[in-house]
Amino acid sequence: MNRHSGLLAAFALILASGQALAETYTVSVEPSYPPAQAEEVYRPLLDYLGKATGHHFVLSVPRNYHLLWRDIRANAEVHFAFEEAHLTDYRASRFGFQPLARTAETTSYALIAQPDVARRGVEGLVGYRVISMPSPSLGYALLGELYRNPVAQPDVQSAAASWRDGVEMIFSGEAEAAMVPSHIAQLYPNLEPVHRTRSFPGSAFSASPAVPEEVKQAVREALLRLHEDPELFDVLTELGASRFEPTDAAEYRGHERMLSGFFGYESR
């Protein structure tokens, strides 16, 4: 074998080794967008993680929240999850998922409406149409906390394809109010809050115990540096975040109780 052939063989061996070491990991996200839009929103983030870690990341988006909740309870195989506090805690406490990084901003929700409707207050919406993403989304759970009397309820509808769609349904006259994340409510100054919820730790990126420790660490480090990449500014803006910060399971402990009123939840 001449020197040129030897170099080519060595290069091929190195390339093959690199390909062999690269793994494919699934990332589950909440169905707060239609599948095609979710792919558009999260693709730059997954591509960034791929470049930063040398692995391949595939998005997993259930068609709706009911299917997501079914899959979570069954511990369907996913490697990473990006979810709000109640789901993050459930995966961590029941199945050993490890929260790696969270959005720097806390999560809260606002029940918003046109000014004349908002002035009626919370009780003034009883019997009227209120839009929310379905159970067990955090917004739906918080709406349930707000209306505990079973005979004094708004007409809660889950027809929106995304949180923003819920707002648009107010403008189109299809609903009187909508429960949405606060960072979305802030985009509509012509609507007023009927109620603002308490805050929760930000949405977290957590890892299955099946993921090797070195991969978890690489993903954590990549997320903590994500805000340094100007090409990902739009991703963070869409998520209502300025950056990711370190976190752990203790920060989310107890928040799974928000799921206690939903079908299939079993207390321990």
C-alpha atoms as a PDB file:
ATOM      1  CA  MET A   1       0.000   0.000   0.000  1.00  0.00           C
ATOM      2  CA  ASN A   2       1.490   3.363  -0.968  1.00  0.00           C
ATOM      3  CA  ARG A   3       1.473   6.403   1.312  1.00  0.00           C
ATOM      4  CA  HIS A   4      -1.480   8.023  -0.496  1.00  0.00           C
ATOM      5  CA  SER A   5      -3.631   4.901  -0.179  1.00  0.00           C
ATOM      6  CA  GLY A   6      -2.690   4.600   3.501  1.00  0.00           C
ATOM      7  CA  LEU A   7      -3.842   8.153   4.224  1.00  0.00           C
ATOM      8  CA  LEU A   8      -7.148   7.531   2.479  1.00  0.00           C
ATOM      9  CA  ALA A   9      -7.674   4.341   4.464  1.00  0.00           C
ATOM     10  CA  ALA A  10      -6.883   6.124   7.732  1.00  0.00           C
ATOM     11  CA  PHE A  11      -9.272   8.944   6.875  1.00  0.00           C
ATOM     12  CA  ALA A  12     -12.020   6.453   6.028  1.00  0.00           C
ATOM     13  CA  LEU A  13     -11.451   4.683   9.343  1.00  0.00           C
ATOM     14  CA  ILE A  14     -11.696   7.945  11.290  1.00  0.00           C
ATOM     15  CA  LEU A  15     -14.855   8.925   9.423  1.00  0.00           C
ATOM     16  CA  ALA A  16     -16.423   5.527  10.057  1.00  0.00           C
ATOM     17  CA  SER A  17     -15.549   5.770  13.765  1.00  0.00           C
ATOM     18  CA  GLY A  18     -17.187   9.167  14.006  1.00  0.00           C
ATOM     19  CA  GLN A  19     -20.334   7.904  12.304  1.00  0.00           C
ATOM     20  CA  ALA A  20     -20.432   4.877  14.568  1.00  0.00           C
ATOM     21  CA  LEU A  21     -20.225   7.069  17.681  1.00  0.00           C
ATOM     22  CA  ALA A  22     -23.012   9.388  16.529  1.00  0.00           C
ATOM     23  CA  GLU A  23     -26.396   8.351  17.924  1.00  0.00           C
ATOM     24  CA  THR A  24     -29.971   9.408  17.187  1.00  0.00           C
ATOM     25  CA  TYR A  25     -31.998  10.824  20.068  1.00  0.00           C
ATOM     26  CA  THR A  26     -35.694  11.684  20.145  1.00  0.00           C
ATOM     27  CA  VAL A  27     -36.857  14.931  21.747  1.00  0.00           C
ATOM     28  CA  SER A  28     -40.476  15.059  22.887  1.00  0.00           C
ATOM     29  CA  VAL A  29     -42.173  18.463  23.053  1.00  0.00           C
ATOM     30  CA  GLU A  30     -45.660  19.529  24.059  1.00  0.00           C
ATOM     31  CA  PRO A  31     -48.168  19.745  21.182  1.00  0.00           C
ATOM     32  CA  SER A  32     -48.629  23.481  21.594  1.00  0.00           C
ATOM     33  CA  TYR A  33     -48.182  23.883  17.820  1.00  0.00           C
ATOM     34  CA  PRO A  34     -49.523  21.832  14.908  1.00  0.00           C
ATOM     35  CA  PRO A  35     -46.898  19.208  13.916  1.00  0.00           C
ATOM     36  CA  ALA A  36     -45.662  21.055  10.813  1.00  0.00           C
ATOM     37  CA  GLN A  37     -45.288  24.306  12.739  1.00  0.00           C
ATOM     38  CA  ALA A  38     -43.577  22.527  15.636  1.00  0.00           C
ATOM     39  CA  GLU A  39     -41.019  21.143  13.200  1.00  0.00           C
ATOM     40  CA  GLU A  40     -40.404  24.669  11.906  1.00  0.00           C
ATOM     41  CA  VAL A  41     -40.094  26.112  15.425  1.00  0.00           C
ATOM     42  CA  TYR A  42     -37.819  23.458  16.898  1.00  0.00           C
ATOM     43  CA  ARG A  43     -35.733  22.410  13.866  1.00  0.00           C
ATOM     44  CA  PRO A  44     -33.081  25.161  14.359  1.00  0.00           C
ATOM     45  CA  LEU A  45     -32.698  24.105  18.010  1.00  0.00           C
ATOM     46  CA  LEU A  46     -32.306  20.433  17.142  1.00  0.00           C
ATOM     47  CA  ASP A  47     -29.841  21.219  14.363  1.00  0.00           C
ATOM     48  CA  TYR A  48     -27.850  23.340  16.823  1.00  0.00           C
ATOM     49  CA  LEU A  49     -27.739  20.485  19.344  1.00  0.00           C
ATOM     50  CA  GLY A  50     -26.601  18.167  16.573  1.00  0.00           C
ATOM     51  CA  LYS A  51     -23.709  20.410  15.614  1.00  0.00           C
ATOM     52  CA  ALA A  52     -22.753  21.013  19.249  1.00  0.00           C
ATOM     53  CA  THR A  53     -22.798  17.365  20.345  1.00  0.00           C
ATOM     54  CA  GLY A  54     -22.122  15.367  17.190  1.00  0.00           C
ATOM     55  CA  HIS A  55     -25.390  13.446  17.557  1.00  0.00           C
ATOM     56  CA  HIS A  56     -28.662  13.515  15.628  1.00  0.00           C
ATOM     57  CA  PHE A  57     -31.857  14.805  17.272  1.00  0.00           C
ATOM     58  CA  VAL A  58     -35.353  13.944  16.023  1.00  0.00           C
ATOM     59  CA  LEU A  59     -38.488  15.781  17.076  1.00  0.00           C
ATOM     60  CA  SER A  60     -41.396  13.841  18.587  1.00  0.00           C
ATOM     61  CA  VAL A  61     -44.716  15.734  18.701  1.00  0.00           C
ATOM     62  CA  PRO A  62     -47.886  13.847  19.701  1.00  0.00           C
ATOM     63  CA  ARG A  63     -50.973  14.990  17.792  1.00  0.00           C
ATOM     64  CA  ASN A  64     -52.563  16.374  20.951  1.00  0.00           C
ATOM     65  CA  TYR A  65     -52.161  16.679  24.711  1.00  0.00           C
ATOM     66  CA  HIS A  66     -54.271  13.592  25.400  1.00  0.00           C
ATOM     67  CA  LEU A  67     -51.817  11.430  23.458  1.00  0.00           C
ATOM     68  CA  LEU A  68     -48.865  13.137  25.131  1.00  0.00           C
ATOM     69  CA  TRP A  69     -50.305  12.366  28.570  1.00  0.00           C
ATOM     70  CA  ARG A  70     -50.931   8.750  27.560  1.00  0.00           C
ATOM     71  CA  ASP A  71     -47.344   8.390  26.334  1.00  0.00           C
ATOM     72  CA  ILE A  72     -45.890  10.010  29.457  1.00  0.00           C
ATOM     73  CA  ARG A  73     -47.870   7.733  31.785  1.00  0.00           C
ATOM     74  CA  ALA A  74     -46.768   4.697  29.781  1.00  0.00           C
ATOM     75  CA  ASN A  75     -43.152   5.935  29.830  1.00  0.00           C
ATOM     76  CA  ALA A  76     -43.041   5.609  26.046  1.00  0.00           C
ATOM     77  CA  GLU A  77     -39.456   5.691  24.856  1.00  0.00           C
ATOM     78  CA  VAL A  78     -38.057   9.167  24.325  1.00  0.00           C
ATOM     79  CA  HIS A  79     -34.561  10.352  25.147  1.00  0.00           C
ATOM     80  CA  PHE A  80     -35.187  14.000  25.934  1.00  0.00           C
ATOM     81  CA  ALA A  81     -38.260  16.064  26.757  1.00  0.00           C
ATOM     82  CA  PHE A  82     -38.856  19.806  26.703  1.00  0.00           C
ATOM     83  CA  GLU A  83     -41.907  20.452  28.870  1.00  0.00           C
ATOM     84  CA  GLU A  84     -43.459  22.688  31.482  1.00  0.00           C
ATOM     85  CA  ALA A  85     -43.020  22.252  35.218  1.00  0.00           C
ATOM     86  CA  HIS A  86     -45.805  19.760  35.991  1.00  0.00           C
ATOM     87  CA  LEU A  87     -44.780  17.330  33.246  1.00  0.00           C
ATOM     88  CA  THR A  88     -41.080  17.776  33.985  1.00  0.00           C
ATOM     89  CA  ASP A  89     -41.669  16.835  37.623  1.00  0.00           C
ATOM     90  CA  TYR A  90     -43.835  13.845  36.679  1.00  0.00           C
ATOM     91  CA  ARG A  91     -41.164  12.393  34.398  1.00  0.00           C
ATOM     92  CA  ALA A  92     -38.452  13.084  36.998  1.00  0.00           C
ATOM     93  CA  SER A  93     -40.282  11.638  40.011  1.00  0.00           C
ATOM     94  CA  ARG A  94     -41.870   8.644  38.249  1.00  0.00           C
ATOM     95  CA  PHE A  95     -39.296   7.629  35.647  1.00  0.00           C
ATOM     96  CA  GLY A  96     -35.983   9.148  36.701  1.00  0.00           C
ATOM     97  CA  PHE A  97     -35.703  11.820  34.022  1.00  0.00           C
ATOM     98  CA  GLN A  98     -33.022  14.381  34.853  1.00  0.00           C
ATOM     99  CA  PRO A  99     -33.779  18.081  34.259  1.00  0.00           C
ATOM    100  CA  LEU A 100     -30.704  19.591  32.585  1.00  0.00           C
ATOM    101  CA  ALA A 101     -31.543  23.209  31.800  1.00  0.00           C
ATOM    102  CA  ARG A 102     -34.594  25.451  31.947  1.00  0.00           C
ATOM    103  CA  THR A 103     -35.665  28.708  30.390  1.00  0.00           C
ATOM    104  CA  ALA A 104     -34.384  31.599  32.487  1.00  0.00           C
ATOM    105  CA  GLU A 105     -37.837  33.147  32.690  1.00  0.00           C
ATOM    106  CA  THR A 106     -40.468  31.646  34.962  1.00  0.00           C
ATOM    107  CA  THR A 107     -43.749  30.426  33.478  1.00  0.00           C
ATOM    108  CA  SER A 108     -47.108  31.990  34.268  1.00  0.00           C
ATOM    109  CA  TYR A 109     -50.450  32.315  32.500  1.00  0.00           C
ATOM    110  CA  ALA A 110     -52.972  35.062  31.921  1.00  0.00           C
ATOM    111  CA  LEU A 111     -56.689  34.807  31.262  1.00  0.00           C
ATOM    112  CA  ILE A 112     -57.206  37.635  28.743  1.00  0.00           C
ATOM    113  CA  ALA A 113     -60.200  39.245  27.052  1.00  0.00           C
ATOM    114  CA  GLN A 114     -61.422  42.414  25.401  1.00  0.00           C
ATOM    115  CA  PRO A 115     -61.515  45.309  27.932  1.00  0.00           C
ATOM    116  CA  ASP A 116     -65.309  45.310  28.308  1.00  0.00           C
ATOM    117  CA  VAL A 117     -65.284  41.568  29.049  1.00  0.00           C
ATOM    118  CA  ALA A 118     -62.238  41.733  31.316  1.00  0.00           C
ATOM    119  CA  ARG A 119     -63.991  44.294  33.531  1.00  0.00           C
ATOM    120  CA  ARG A 120     -66.582  41.650  34.453  1.00  0.00           C
ATOM    121  CA  GLY A 121     -63.915  39.734  36.331  1.00  0.00           C
ATOM    122  CA  VAL A 122     -63.459  35.995  36.710  1.00  0.00           C
ATOM    123  CA  GLU A 123     -67.074  35.363  37.719  1.00  0.00           C
ATOM    124  CA  GLY A 124     -68.273  37.340  34.725  1.00  0.00           C
ATOM    125  CA  LEU A 125     -66.983  34.624  32.392  1.00  0.00           C
ATOM    126  CA  VAL A 126     -69.167  31.875  33.852  1.00  0.00           C
ATOM    127  CA  GLY A 127     -71.194  30.426  30.991  1.00  0.00           C
ATOM    128  CA  TYR A 128     -69.084  32.192  28.355  1.00  0.00           C
ATOM    129  CA  ARG A 129     -66.584  30.694  25.889  1.00  0.00           C
ATOM    130  CA  VAL A 130     -62.986  30.463  27.119  1.00  0.00           C
ATOM    131  CA  ILE A 131     -60.266  28.980  24.919  1.00  0.00           C
ATOM    132  CA  SER A 132     -57.377  26.912  26.259  1.00  0.00           C
ATOM    133  CA  MET A 133     -55.123  24.184  24.946  1.00  0.00           C
ATOM    134  CA  PRO A 134     -56.463  20.798  26.146  1.00  0.00           C
ATOM    135  CA  SER A 135     -55.702  18.935  29.349  1.00  0.00           C
ATOM    136  CA  PRO A 136     -53.230  18.258  30.775  1.00  0.00           C
ATOM    137  CA  SER A 137     -51.578  21.461  29.551  1.00  0.00           C
ATOM    138  CA  LEU A 138     -50.541  23.760  32.382  1.00  0.00           C
ATOM    139  CA  GLY A 139     -52.903  26.472  31.162  1.00  0.00           C
ATOM    140  CA  TYR A 140     -55.871  24.092  31.321  1.00  0.00           C
ATOM    141  CA  ALA A 141     -54.876  22.943  34.813  1.00  0.00           C
ATOM    142  CA  LEU A 142     -54.631  26.531  36.049  1.00  0.00           C
ATOM    143  CA  LEU A 143     -57.995  27.356  34.511  1.00  0.00           C
ATOM    144  CA  GLY A 144     -59.459  24.454  36.470  1.00  0.00           C
ATOM    145  CA  GLU A 145     -58.017  25.899  39.672  1.00  0.00           C
ATOM    146  CA  LEU A 146     -59.699  29.192  38.915  1.00  0.00           C
ATOM    147  CA  TYR A 147     -63.159  27.659  38.495  1.00  0.00           C
ATOM    148  CA  ARG A 148     -63.560  25.047  41.220  1.00  0.00           C
ATOM    149  CA  ASN A 149     -67.350  25.217  41.506  1.00  0.00           C
ATOM    150  CA  PRO A 150     -68.722  22.564  39.109  1.00  0.00           C
ATOM    151  CA  VAL A 151     -71.988  24.484  38.623  1.00  0.00           C
ATOM    152  CA  ALA A 152     -70.300  27.837  37.913  1.00  0.00           C
ATOM    153  CA  GLN A 153     -68.023  27.123  34.985  1.00  0.00           C
ATOM    154  CA  PRO A 154     -67.140  28.906  31.758  1.00  0.00           C
ATOM    155  CA  ASP A 155     -67.664  27.049  28.497  1.00  0.00           C
ATOM    156  CA  VAL A 156     -64.054  25.876  28.179  1.00  0.00           C
ATOM    157  CA  GLN A 157     -63.182  24.973  24.602  1.00  0.00           C
ATOM    158  CA  SER A 158     -59.994  23.409  23.260  1.00  0.00           C
ATOM    159  CA  ALA A 159     -60.444  24.099  19.559  1.00  0.00           C
ATOM    160  CA  ALA A 160     -57.286  26.195  19.109  1.00  0.00           C
ATOM    161  CA  ALA A 161     -54.301  24.664  17.305  1.00  0.00           C
ATOM    162  CA  SER A 162     -51.849  26.749  19.367  1.00  0.00           C
ATOM    163  CA  TRP A 163     -51.858  29.241  22.226  1.00  0.00           C
ATOM    164  CA  ARG A 164     -51.751  32.126  19.751  1.00  0.00           C
ATOM    165  CA  ASP A 165     -54.745  30.727  17.895  1.00  0.00           C
ATOM    166  CA  GLY A 166     -56.707  31.062  21.109  1.00  0.00           C
ATOM    167  CA  VAL A 167     -56.041  34.793  21.112  1.00  0.00           C
ATOM    168  CA  GLU A 168     -57.097  35.109  17.491  1.00  0.00           C
ATOM    169  CA  MET A 169     -60.391  33.415  18.355  1.00  0.00           C
ATOM    170  CA  ILE A 170     -61.166  36.334  20.667  1.00  0.00           C
ATOM    171  CA  PHE A 171     -60.718  38.762  17.790  1.00  0.00           C
ATOM    172  CA  SER A 172     -62.843  36.643  15.467  1.00  0.00           C
ATOM    173  CA  GLY A 173     -65.670  36.519  17.992  1.00  0.00           C
ATOM    174  CA  GLU A 174     -65.382  32.749  18.510  1.00  0.00           C
ATOM    175  CA  ALA A 175     -64.557  33.160  22.207  1.00  0.00           C
ATOM    176  CA  GLU A 176     -64.849  35.747  24.955  1.00  0.00           C
ATOM    177  CA  ALA A 177     -61.508  34.951  26.627  1.00  0.00           C
ATOM    178  CA  ALA A 178     -58.386  32.810  26.341  1.00  0.00           C
ATOM    179  CA  MET A 179     -55.924  31.317  28.799  1.00  0.00           C
ATOM    180  CA  VAL A 180     -52.423  31.797  27.380  1.00  0.00           C
ATOM    181  CA  PRO A 181     -48.795  31.953  28.559  1.00  0.00           C
ATOM    182  CA  SER A 182     -47.950  35.404  29.883  1.00  0.00           C
ATOM    183  CA  HIS A 183     -45.267  36.016  27.269  1.00  0.00           C
ATOM    184  CA  ILE A 184     -47.944  35.622  24.587  1.00  0.00           C
ATOM    185  CA  ALA A 185     -50.467  37.781  26.440  1.00  0.00           C
ATOM    186  CA  GLN A 186     -47.903  40.581  26.466  1.00  0.00           C
ATOM    187  CA  LEU A 187     -47.953  40.658  22.667  1.00  0.00           C
ATOM    188  CA  TYR A 188     -51.584  41.862  22.695  1.00  0.00           C
ATOM    189  CA  PRO A 189     -51.752  45.153  24.628  1.00  0.00           C
ATOM    190  CA  ASN A 190     -55.284  45.780  23.339  1.00  0.00           C
ATOM    191  CA  LEU A 191     -56.484  42.815  25.424  1.00  0.00           C
ATOM    192  CA  GLU A 192     -56.641  42.956  29.202  1.00  0.00           C
ATOM    193  CA  PRO A 193     -55.992  40.309  31.874  1.00  0.00           C
ATOM    194  CA  VAL A 194     -58.971  38.976  33.738  1.00  0.00           C
ATOM    195  CA  HIS A 195     -56.599  36.992  35.944  1.00  0.00           C
ATOM    196  CA  ARG A 196     -52.856  36.343  36.224  1.00  0.00           C
ATOM    197  CA  THR A 197     -51.652  33.032  37.631  1.00  0.00           C
ATOM    198  CA  ARG A 198     -48.805  32.276  39.991  1.00  0.00           C
ATOM    199  CA  SER A 199     -45.380  31.503  38.525  1.00  0.00           C
ATOM    200  CA  PHE A 200     -43.671  28.156  37.956  1.00  0.00           C
ATOM    201  CA  PRO A 201     -40.080  27.288  37.061  1.00  0.00           C
ATOM    202  CA  GLY A 202     -39.490  27.697  33.341  1.00  0.00           C
ATOM    203  CA  SER A 203     -39.905  24.888  30.825  1.00  0.00           C
ATOM    204  CA  ALA A 204     -37.108  22.362  31.206  1.00  0.00           C
ATOM    205  CA  PHE A 205     -35.049  20.154  28.940  1.00  0.00           C
ATOM    206  CA  SER A 206     -34.782  16.800  30.713  1.00  0.00           C
ATOM    207  CA  ALA A 207     -33.044  13.546  29.834  1.00  0.00           C
ATOM    208  CA  SER A 208     -34.087   9.916  30.181  1.00  0.00           C
ATOM    209  CA  PRO A 209     -31.942   7.731  32.445  1.00  0.00           C
ATOM    210  CA  ALA A 210     -31.139   5.723  29.293  1.00  0.00           C
ATOM    211  CA  VAL A 211     -29.083   8.617  27.897  1.00  0.00           C
ATOM    212  CA  PRO A 212     -25.332   8.308  28.615  1.00  0.00           C
ATOM    213  CA  GLU A 213     -23.972  10.830  31.107  1.00  0.00           C
ATOM    214  CA  GLU A 214     -21.533  12.314  28.601  1.00  0.00           C
ATOM    215  CA  VAL A 215     -24.391  13.005  26.182  1.00  0.00           C
ATOM    216  CA  LYS A 216     -26.481  14.623  28.925  1.00  0.00           C
ATOM    217  CA  GLN A 217     -23.556  16.849  29.814  1.00  0.00           C
ATOM    218  CA  ALA A 218     -22.935  17.794  26.183  1.00  0.00           C
ATOM    219  CA  VAL A 219     -26.607  18.709  25.702  1.00  0.00           C
ATOM    220  CA  ARG A 220     -26.668  20.717  28.935  1.00  0.00           C
ATOM    221  CA  GLU A 221     -23.565  22.679  27.951  1.00  0.00           C
ATOM    222  CA  ALA A 222     -24.961  23.337  24.480  1.00  0.00           C
ATOM    223  CA  LEU A 223     -28.248  24.645  25.896  1.00  0.00           C
ATOM    224  CA  LEU A 224     -26.440  26.943  28.326  1.00  0.00           C
ATOM    225  CA  ARG A 225     -24.505  28.462  25.392  1.00  0.00           C
ATOM    226  CA  LEU A 226     -27.470  28.631  23.023  1.00  0.00           C
ATOM    227  CA  HIS A 227     -28.137  32.359  23.582  1.00  0.00           C
ATOM    228  CA  GLU A 228     -24.657  33.139  22.259  1.00  0.00           C
ATOM    229  CA  ASP A 229     -25.728  32.041  18.756  1.00  0.00           C
ATOM    230  CA  PRO A 230     -27.514  34.973  17.033  1.00  0.00           C
ATOM    231  CA  GLU A 231     -29.124  32.594  14.535  1.00  0.00           C
ATOM    232  CA  LEU A 232     -31.160  31.084  17.382  1.00  0.00           C
ATOM    233  CA  PHE A 233     -32.609  34.359  18.656  1.00  0.00           C
ATOM    234  CA  ASP A 234     -35.948  33.634  16.986  1.00  0.00           C
ATOM    235  CA  VAL A 235     -36.136  30.217  18.664  1.00  0.00           C
ATOM    236  CA  LEU A 236     -35.701  31.732  22.111  1.00  0.00           C
ATOM    237  CA  THR A 237     -38.190  34.489  21.317  1.00  0.00           C
ATOM    238  CA  GLU A 238     -40.806  31.946  20.241  1.00  0.00           C
ATOM    239  CA  LEU A 239     -40.264  30.063  23.512  1.00  0.00           C
ATOM    240  CA  GLY A 240     -40.601  33.286  25.511  1.00  0.00           C
ATOM    241  CA  ALA A 241     -37.059  32.945  26.830  1.00  0.00           C
ATOM    242  CA  SER A 242     -33.834  34.918  26.789  1.00  0.00           C
ATOM    243  CA  ARG A 243     -31.562  31.979  27.592  1.00  0.00           C
ATOM    244  CA  PHE A 244     -31.325  28.598  29.325  1.00  0.00           C
ATOM    245  CA  GLU A 245     -30.028  28.192  32.887  1.00  0.00           C
ATOM    246  CA  PRO A 246     -28.942  25.113  34.881  1.00  0.00           C
ATOM    247  CA  THR A 247     -31.600  23.271  36.870  1.00  0.00           C
ATOM    248  CA  ASP A 248     -32.269  20.004  38.676  1.00  0.00           C
ATOM    249  CA  ALA A 249     -35.148  17.816  39.812  1.00  0.00           C
ATOM    250  CA  ALA A 250     -35.410  19.554  43.175  1.00  0.00           C
ATOM    251  CA  GLU A 251     -36.517  22.798  41.516  1.00  0.00           C
ATOM    252  CA  TYR A 252     -39.559  21.011  40.049  1.00  0.00           C
ATOM    253  CA  ARG A 253     -40.436  18.772  42.986  1.00  0.00           C
ATOM    254  CA  GLY A 254     -44.130  18.905  43.864  1.00  0.00           C
ATOM    255  CA  HIS A 255     -45.377  20.493  40.653  1.00  0.00           C
ATOM    256  CA  GLU A 256     -46.731  17.179  39.353  1.00  0.00           C
ATOM    257  CA  ARG A 257     -49.665  17.808  41.719  1.00  0.00           C
ATOM    258  CA  MET A 258     -51.081  20.034  38.975  1.00  0.00           C
ATOM    259  CA  LEU A 259     -51.910  16.765  37.194  1.00  0.00           C
ATOM    260  CA  SER A 260     -53.905  15.276  40.064  1.00  0.00           C
ATOM    261  CA  GLY A 261     -57.294  16.204  38.633  1.00  0.00           C
ATOM    262  CA  PHE A 262     -56.683  14.574  35.266  1.00  0.00           C
ATOM    263  CA  PHE A 263     -57.687  11.102  34.133  1.00  0.00           C
ATOM    264  CA  GLY A 264     -54.971   8.510  34.663  1.00  0.00           C
ATOM    265  CA  TYR A 265     -53.103  10.316  37.413  1.00  0.00           C
ATOM    266  CA  GLU A 266     -52.265   8.075  40.351  1.00  0.00           C
ATOM    267  CA  SER A 267     -50.961   9.522  43.590  1.00  0.00           C
ATOM    268  CA  ARG A 268     -48.058   7.783  45.277  1.00  0.00           C
END
